[in-house]
């Protein structure tokens, strides 16, 4: 009894560590912010001159960040804040007394702070993409839309299309269009990509459920190894197959950085507030394009729910199958025992 309990516990810990390692690597990849940097090789007599848009603002004030190499524990590029005494903010630029080896961060795909992992990228221009501007106040679109194409405008919600850059960085887009800081500016193409990943995320949870069910069934079957060894070997094979598929699905998930929380990817309240705002904004619009986007998001949600429901049914089926097979094996063994007598 004690040995069986230890085996079950060891298997649970082993699979748990493997799953956590896979998820940890994937979450780190998803949460790594993409940034653009400014590299200054030339120095004036007073230092390096940078544009004002390299400053990041939060509740603690203004910050200047540079990209720096991580230490032995944190490999890769990370955000490092430049001490305030090393730079002076002027009316048109910032003068820094020194230089950053990997450059000063100008734009980021999401909010960053000191110590965050980052990936330095070179942006590429895209063809026309859809954007959703949500504000509480009416604004004069003609002042900033420029070469963009206004599709629909209603009750502080604007739907427009224009050529942009990838990866998408909201603050950069605001700066290019000279849009006020109030309200949000969403890239609807990235919103659609995010929702297309929901079925894959749902599949991961299904795999975790199936892992747990197989583990529970295996622990029960371990009560009689001789009689159930073939079922246990089958469970091991099924678990290994699930693990291989789990890794493949996890690697395929790619969530747009601009729609993720700053620190915790499991911050459900953040997603709730963000996507409620997007959906409510689209509902205020009555045009064909807005309707198509809403229907596209709805289909992905339905598909994700369907995968979850199917996974639950498969889990119940596994439980029933394991029980029936073990009972048949038990009955067959008893019959052989009686015949032997």
Protein backbone atom coordinates (compact mmCIF):
# COMPACT_ATOMS: atom_id res chain seq x y z
CA UNK A 1 0.00 0.00 0.00
CA UNK A 2 2.75 2.41 0.96
CA UNK A 3 4.80 1.60 -2.14
CA UNK A 4 1.78 2.13 -4.39
CA UNK A 5 1.09 5.51 -2.82
CA UNK A 6 4.72 6.56 -3.33
CA UNK A 7 4.60 5.51 -6.99
CA UNK A 8 1.40 7.51 -7.58
CA UNK A 9 2.88 10.55 -5.84
CA UNK A 10 6.13 10.30 -7.83
CA UNK A 11 4.24 10.07 -11.13
CA UNK A 12 2.12 13.12 -10.24
CA UNK A 13 5.20 15.16 -9.29
CA UNK A 14 7.07 14.05 -12.43
CA UNK A 15 4.27 14.98 -14.82
CA UNK A 16 3.58 18.18 -12.87
CA UNK A 17 7.19 19.31 -13.24
CA UNK A 18 7.19 18.54 -16.96
CA UNK A 19 3.94 20.44 -17.55
CA UNK A 20 5.09 23.41 -15.44
CA UNK A 21 8.38 23.58 -17.35
CA UNK A 22 6.59 23.58 -20.71
CA UNK A 23 4.07 26.20 -19.59
CA UNK A 24 6.75 28.34 -17.92
CA UNK A 25 8.81 28.55 -21.11
CA UNK A 26 5.70 29.33 -23.15
CA UNK A 27 4.44 32.00 -20.74
CA UNK A 28 7.87 33.64 -20.67
CA UNK A 29 7.81 33.78 -24.48
CA UNK A 30 4.32 35.28 -24.51
CA UNK A 31 5.05 37.87 -21.82
CA UNK A 32 8.34 39.08 -23.33
CA UNK A 33 7.60 42.59 -24.59
CA UNK A 34 8.77 43.58 -28.04
CA UNK A 35 10.56 46.93 -28.14
CA UNK A 36 12.22 49.31 -30.57
CA UNK A 37 15.37 51.09 -29.50
CA UNK A 38 17.34 54.19 -30.44
CA UNK A 39 21.09 53.77 -30.68
CA UNK A 40 23.19 56.89 -30.50
CA UNK A 41 26.82 56.59 -31.48
CA UNK A 42 27.56 60.31 -31.66
CA UNK A 43 27.99 62.39 -28.55
CA UNK A 44 27.70 66.12 -28.21
CA UNK A 45 29.77 67.98 -25.67
CA UNK A 46 26.92 67.58 -23.19
CA UNK A 47 25.98 63.95 -23.95
CA UNK A 48 23.54 61.94 -26.04
CA UNK A 49 20.43 63.69 -27.35
CA UNK A 50 17.22 61.69 -27.50
CA UNK A 51 13.65 62.60 -28.56
CA UNK A 52 11.07 63.17 -25.84
CA UNK A 53 9.06 60.11 -26.89
CA UNK A 54 11.60 57.79 -25.25
CA UNK A 55 10.12 58.71 -21.87
CA UNK A 56 7.67 56.25 -20.31
CA UNK A 57 5.00 57.57 -17.97
CA UNK A 58 3.23 55.80 -15.08
CA UNK A 59 1.84 56.65 -11.65
CA UNK A 60 5.38 57.09 -10.33
CA UNK A 61 6.35 59.68 -12.93
CA UNK A 62 8.58 59.65 -16.01
CA UNK A 63 11.18 56.98 -16.76
CA UNK A 64 13.97 56.51 -19.25
CA UNK A 65 14.83 52.89 -20.05
CA UNK A 66 17.69 51.22 -21.83
CA UNK A 67 18.06 47.65 -23.10
CA UNK A 68 20.62 45.69 -21.10
CA UNK A 69 21.94 42.14 -21.06
CA UNK A 70 20.58 39.97 -18.25
CA UNK A 71 22.78 38.37 -15.62
CA UNK A 72 23.46 34.65 -15.19
CA UNK A 73 19.97 34.06 -13.77
CA UNK A 74 18.12 36.20 -16.32
CA UNK A 75 19.51 35.60 -19.77
CA UNK A 76 18.48 37.71 -22.75
CA UNK A 77 17.72 41.40 -22.98
CA UNK A 78 16.01 43.17 -20.09
CA UNK A 79 14.74 46.64 -19.24
CA UNK A 80 17.10 48.73 -17.16
CA UNK A 81 16.05 52.14 -15.89
CA UNK A 82 18.47 55.00 -16.39
CA UNK A 83 18.98 56.91 -13.10
CA UNK A 84 17.36 60.35 -13.22
CA UNK A 85 20.65 62.11 -12.42
CA UNK A 86 22.13 60.82 -15.71
CA UNK A 87 19.77 62.78 -17.97
CA UNK A 88 18.10 66.15 -18.28
CA UNK A 89 14.71 66.75 -19.88
CA UNK A 90 14.56 69.79 -22.13
CA UNK A 91 11.75 71.36 -24.13
CA UNK A 92 12.53 69.45 -27.34
CA UNK A 93 14.84 66.62 -26.35
CA UNK A 94 16.58 64.71 -23.57
CA UNK A 95 20.31 64.89 -22.93
CA UNK A 96 21.86 61.76 -21.43
CA UNK A 97 25.33 61.78 -19.95
CA UNK A 98 26.47 58.41 -21.25
CA UNK A 99 25.48 55.78 -23.74
CA UNK A 100 23.53 52.52 -23.80
CA UNK A 101 25.25 49.55 -25.42
CA UNK A 102 22.02 48.08 -26.79
CA UNK A 103 20.11 51.36 -27.15
CA UNK A 104 17.40 53.32 -25.36
CA UNK A 105 13.87 51.92 -25.50
CA UNK A 106 11.55 54.13 -27.54
CA UNK A 107 8.38 52.07 -27.97
CA UNK A 108 7.12 48.81 -26.49
CA UNK A 109 4.31 46.44 -27.41
CA UNK A 110 3.03 46.68 -23.83
CA UNK A 111 3.89 48.54 -20.65
CA UNK A 112 7.37 47.73 -19.34
CA UNK A 113 9.18 48.39 -16.09
CA UNK A 114 12.68 47.91 -14.76
CA UNK A 115 13.78 44.27 -14.99
CA UNK A 116 11.20 43.08 -17.54
CA UNK A 117 12.33 40.70 -20.29
CA UNK A 118 12.26 42.27 -23.75
CA UNK A 119 12.95 41.40 -27.37
CA UNK A 120 14.47 44.07 -29.59
CA UNK A 121 12.70 44.07 -32.95
CA UNK A 122 12.80 45.88 -36.26
CA UNK A 123 9.31 46.77 -37.37
CA UNK A 124 7.97 46.12 -40.85
CA UNK A 125 5.28 48.06 -42.67
CA UNK A 126 1.98 46.34 -43.25
CA UNK A 127 -0.88 46.70 -45.67
CA UNK A 128 -4.09 48.28 -44.41
CA UNK A 129 -5.26 46.97 -41.05
CA UNK A 130 -8.35 47.67 -38.99
CA UNK A 131 -8.15 49.89 -35.91
CA UNK A 132 -10.69 50.61 -33.20
CA UNK A 133 -10.50 53.92 -31.37
CA UNK A 134 -12.58 54.13 -28.17
CA UNK A 135 -12.96 57.42 -26.28
CA UNK A 136 -15.45 58.94 -23.90
CA UNK A 137 -15.48 62.17 -25.86
CA UNK A 138 -16.14 63.06 -29.46
CA UNK A 139 -13.03 64.11 -31.38
CA UNK A 140 -12.26 65.63 -34.75
CA UNK A 141 -11.05 62.65 -36.75
CA UNK A 142 -9.96 64.73 -39.72
CA UNK A 143 -7.22 66.29 -37.58
CA UNK A 144 -5.27 63.05 -37.19
CA UNK A 145 -6.49 60.28 -39.49
CA UNK A 146 -4.31 61.47 -42.39
CA UNK A 147 -3.97 58.74 -45.01
CA UNK A 148 -6.30 56.44 -43.11
CA UNK A 149 -9.79 55.46 -44.21
CA UNK A 150 -12.62 56.22 -41.77
CA UNK A 151 -15.11 53.34 -41.93
CA UNK A 152 -17.57 54.18 -39.19
CA UNK A 153 -17.94 56.62 -36.31
CA UNK A 154 -20.55 56.54 -33.56
CA UNK A 155 -20.79 57.51 -29.86
CA UNK A 156 -17.05 57.94 -29.27
CA UNK A 157 -16.15 54.77 -31.19
CA UNK A 158 -14.20 54.99 -34.44
CA UNK A 159 -13.44 52.18 -36.85
CA UNK A 160 -10.82 52.98 -39.47
CA UNK A 161 -8.21 51.30 -41.61
CA UNK A 162 -4.72 52.36 -42.60
CA UNK A 163 -1.23 51.00 -43.23
CA UNK A 164 0.60 50.33 -40.01
CA UNK A 165 3.64 48.61 -38.54
CA UNK A 166 4.19 45.20 -37.01
CA UNK A 167 4.55 44.34 -34.23
CA UNK A 168 1.86 46.80 -33.17
CA UNK A 169 2.74 49.33 -30.48
CA UNK A 170 -0.11 51.53 -29.32
CA UNK A 171 1.97 54.47 -28.12
CA UNK A 172 3.86 54.56 -31.40
CA UNK A 173 0.59 54.64 -33.34
CA UNK A 174 -0.67 57.44 -31.12
CA UNK A 175 2.50 59.39 -31.76
CA UNK A 176 2.36 58.88 -35.52
CA UNK A 177 -1.26 60.05 -35.63
CA UNK A 178 -0.92 62.69 -32.87
CA UNK A 179 -3.83 61.14 -30.95
CA UNK A 180 -4.53 62.25 -27.38
CA UNK A 181 -3.60 59.95 -24.49
CA UNK A 182 -7.22 59.49 -23.37
CA UNK A 183 -9.06 56.42 -24.56
CA UNK A 184 -7.64 53.31 -26.24
CA UNK A 185 -6.48 52.46 -29.74
CA UNK A 186 -6.77 48.77 -30.62
CA UNK A 187 -5.45 46.90 -33.61
CA UNK A 188 -8.42 44.71 -34.56
CA UNK A 189 -6.22 42.36 -36.57
CA UNK A 190 -4.36 41.52 -33.35
CA UNK A 191 -7.65 41.18 -31.47
CA UNK A 192 -8.76 38.62 -34.08
CA UNK A 193 -5.43 36.76 -33.74
CA UNK A 194 -5.86 36.67 -29.97
CA UNK A 195 -9.30 35.07 -30.25
CA UNK A 196 -8.00 32.55 -32.80
CA UNK A 197 -5.65 31.32 -30.07
CA UNK A 198 -8.49 30.69 -27.61
CA UNK A 199 -9.32 27.20 -29.00
CA UNK A 200 -5.66 26.24 -28.52
CA UNK A 201 -5.68 27.55 -24.94
CA UNK A 202 -8.89 25.59 -24.33
CA UNK A 203 -7.19 22.47 -25.72
CA UNK A 204 -4.34 22.88 -23.20
CA UNK A 205 -6.81 22.85 -20.32
CA UNK A 206 -8.45 19.76 -21.81
CA UNK A 207 -5.08 17.99 -21.92
CA UNK A 208 -4.46 18.88 -18.27
CA UNK A 209 -7.84 17.40 -17.38
CA UNK A 210 -7.09 14.21 -19.31
CA UNK A 211 -3.66 13.93 -17.67
CA UNK A 212 -5.31 14.08 -14.25
CA UNK A 213 -8.00 11.53 -15.16
CA UNK A 214 -5.42 9.09 -16.54
CA UNK A 215 -3.35 9.53 -13.37
CA UNK A 216 -6.34 8.83 -11.11
CA UNK A 217 -7.29 5.74 -13.13
CA UNK A 218 -3.71 4.49 -13.08
CA UNK A 219 -3.48 4.87 -9.31
CA UNK A 220 -6.64 2.78 -8.95
CA UNK A 221 -5.35 0.12 -11.37
CA UNK A 222 -2.08 -0.09 -9.46
CA UNK A 223 -3.92 -1.89 -6.69
CA UNK A 224 -3.44 -5.04 -8.74
CA UNK A 225 -0.43 -4.71 -11.04
CA UNK A 226 -0.48 -8.28 -12.34
CA UNK A 227 -4.08 -8.10 -13.47
CA UNK A 228 -3.97 -4.52 -14.86
CA UNK A 229 -0.44 -4.20 -16.18
CA UNK A 230 -1.57 -3.97 -19.81
CA UNK A 231 -4.04 -1.20 -18.96
CA UNK A 232 -1.29 0.65 -17.09
CA UNK A 233 1.08 0.34 -20.05
CA UNK A 234 -1.72 1.65 -22.28
CA UNK A 235 -2.24 4.59 -19.90
CA UNK A 236 1.48 5.37 -20.04
CA UNK A 237 1.40 5.35 -23.84
CA UNK A 238 -1.68 7.62 -23.86
CA UNK A 239 0.00 10.03 -21.42
CA UNK A 240 3.15 10.22 -23.55
CA UNK A 241 1.06 10.87 -26.66
CA UNK A 242 -0.88 13.60 -24.84
CA UNK A 243 2.40 15.14 -23.69
CA UNK A 244 3.71 15.29 -27.27
CA UNK A 245 0.49 16.94 -28.49
CA UNK A 246 0.50 19.26 -25.45
CA UNK A 247 3.99 20.51 -26.36
CA UNK A 248 3.00 21.01 -30.00
CA UNK A 249 -0.13 22.98 -29.12
CA UNK A 250 1.71 25.09 -26.53
CA UNK A 251 4.34 26.03 -29.13
CA UNK A 252 1.63 27.05 -31.60
CA UNK A 253 0.05 29.55 -29.20
CA UNK A 254 1.15 33.09 -30.00
CA UNK A 255 -0.78 35.81 -28.19
CA UNK A 256 -0.34 39.43 -29.39
CA UNK A 257 1.76 41.24 -26.82
CA UNK A 258 -0.28 44.44 -27.07
CA UNK A 259 -3.30 42.67 -25.52
CA UNK A 260 -1.53 41.01 -22.58
CA UNK A 261 -1.27 42.24 -18.96
CA UNK A 262 1.93 43.89 -17.78
CA UNK A 263 3.05 41.19 -15.32
CA UNK A 264 0.68 38.27 -14.80
CA UNK A 265 -0.66 36.42 -17.83
CA UNK A 266 -3.39 34.89 -15.62
CA UNK A 267 -4.83 38.30 -14.62
CA UNK A 268 -8.38 37.46 -15.67
CA UNK A 269 -9.83 40.83 -14.62
CA UNK A 270 -7.53 42.52 -17.14
CA UNK A 271 -8.88 40.43 -20.03
CA UNK A 272 -12.44 40.92 -18.85
CA UNK A 273 -12.15 44.72 -18.79
CA UNK A 274 -10.18 44.93 -22.03
CA UNK A 275 -12.31 42.66 -24.19
CA UNK A 276 -15.59 43.91 -22.75
CA UNK A 277 -14.51 47.36 -23.88
CA UNK A 278 -13.68 46.07 -27.36
CA UNK A 279 -16.91 44.08 -27.76
CA UNK A 280 -19.06 46.90 -26.40
CA UNK A 281 -17.33 49.30 -28.75
CA UNK A 282 -18.03 47.07 -31.74
CA UNK A 283 -21.67 46.70 -30.68
CA UNK A 284 -22.12 50.45 -30.90
CA UNK A 285 -21.26 50.21 -34.59
CA UNK A 286 -23.77 48.88 -37.10
CA UNK A 287 -21.66 48.59 -40.24
CA UNK A 288 -20.89 45.40 -42.14
CA UNK A 289 -17.21 45.32 -41.17
CA UNK A 290 -17.92 45.74 -37.45
CA UNK A 291 -20.53 42.97 -37.69
CA UNK A 292 -18.05 40.66 -39.45
CA UNK A 293 -15.45 41.23 -36.73
CA UNK A 294 -18.00 40.50 -33.97
CA UNK A 295 -19.11 37.31 -35.70
CA UNK A 296 -15.50 36.21 -36.16
CA UNK A 297 -14.75 36.68 -32.44
CA UNK A 298 -17.97 34.90 -31.50
CA UNK A 299 -17.09 31.85 -33.65
CA UNK A 300 -13.71 31.48 -31.92
CA UNK A 301 -15.36 31.66 -28.48
CA UNK A 302 -17.92 29.02 -29.48
CA UNK A 303 -15.14 26.80 -30.84
CA UNK A 304 -13.13 27.16 -27.62
CA UNK A 305 -16.19 26.22 -25.55
CA UNK A 306 -16.86 23.27 -27.86
CA UNK A 307 -13.34 21.97 -27.38
CA UNK A 308 -13.73 22.25 -23.62
CA UNK A 309 -17.06 20.39 -23.72
CA UNK A 310 -15.63 17.69 -25.98
CA UNK A 311 -12.66 17.30 -23.65
CA UNK A 312 -14.98 16.83 -20.69
CA UNK A 313 -16.93 14.15 -22.57
CA UNK A 314 -13.71 12.37 -23.53
CA UNK A 315 -12.61 12.47 -19.89
CA UNK A 316 -15.89 10.89 -18.77
CA UNK A 317 -15.50 8.29 -21.52
CA UNK A 318 -12.02 7.41 -20.30
CA UNK A 319 -13.31 6.94 -16.75
CA UNK A 320 -16.10 4.64 -17.94
CA UNK A 321 -13.80 2.69 -20.26
CA UNK A 322 -11.17 2.19 -17.55
CA UNK A 323 -13.83 1.00 -15.10
CA UNK A 324 -15.45 -1.42 -17.56
CA UNK A 325 -12.12 -2.86 -18.70
CA UNK A 326 -10.87 -3.33 -15.14
CA UNK A 327 -14.13 -5.04 -14.15
CA UNK A 328 -13.90 -7.39 -17.14
CA UNK A 329 -10.31 -8.15 -16.26
CA UNK A 330 -11.33 -8.85 -12.68
CA UNK A 331 -14.18 -11.15 -13.79
CA UNK A 332 -11.91 -13.01 -16.19
CA UNK A 333 -9.32 -13.55 -13.45
CA UNK A 334 -11.94 -14.85 -11.02
CA UNK A 335 -13.28 -17.26 -13.68
CA UNK A 336 -9.81 -18.62 -14.29
CA UNK A 337 -9.31 -19.00 -10.55
CA UNK A 338 -12.54 -21.03 -10.18
CA UNK A 339 -11.71 -23.22 -13.18
CA UNK A 340 -8.32 -23.89 -11.71
CA UNK A 341 -9.96 -25.18 -8.55
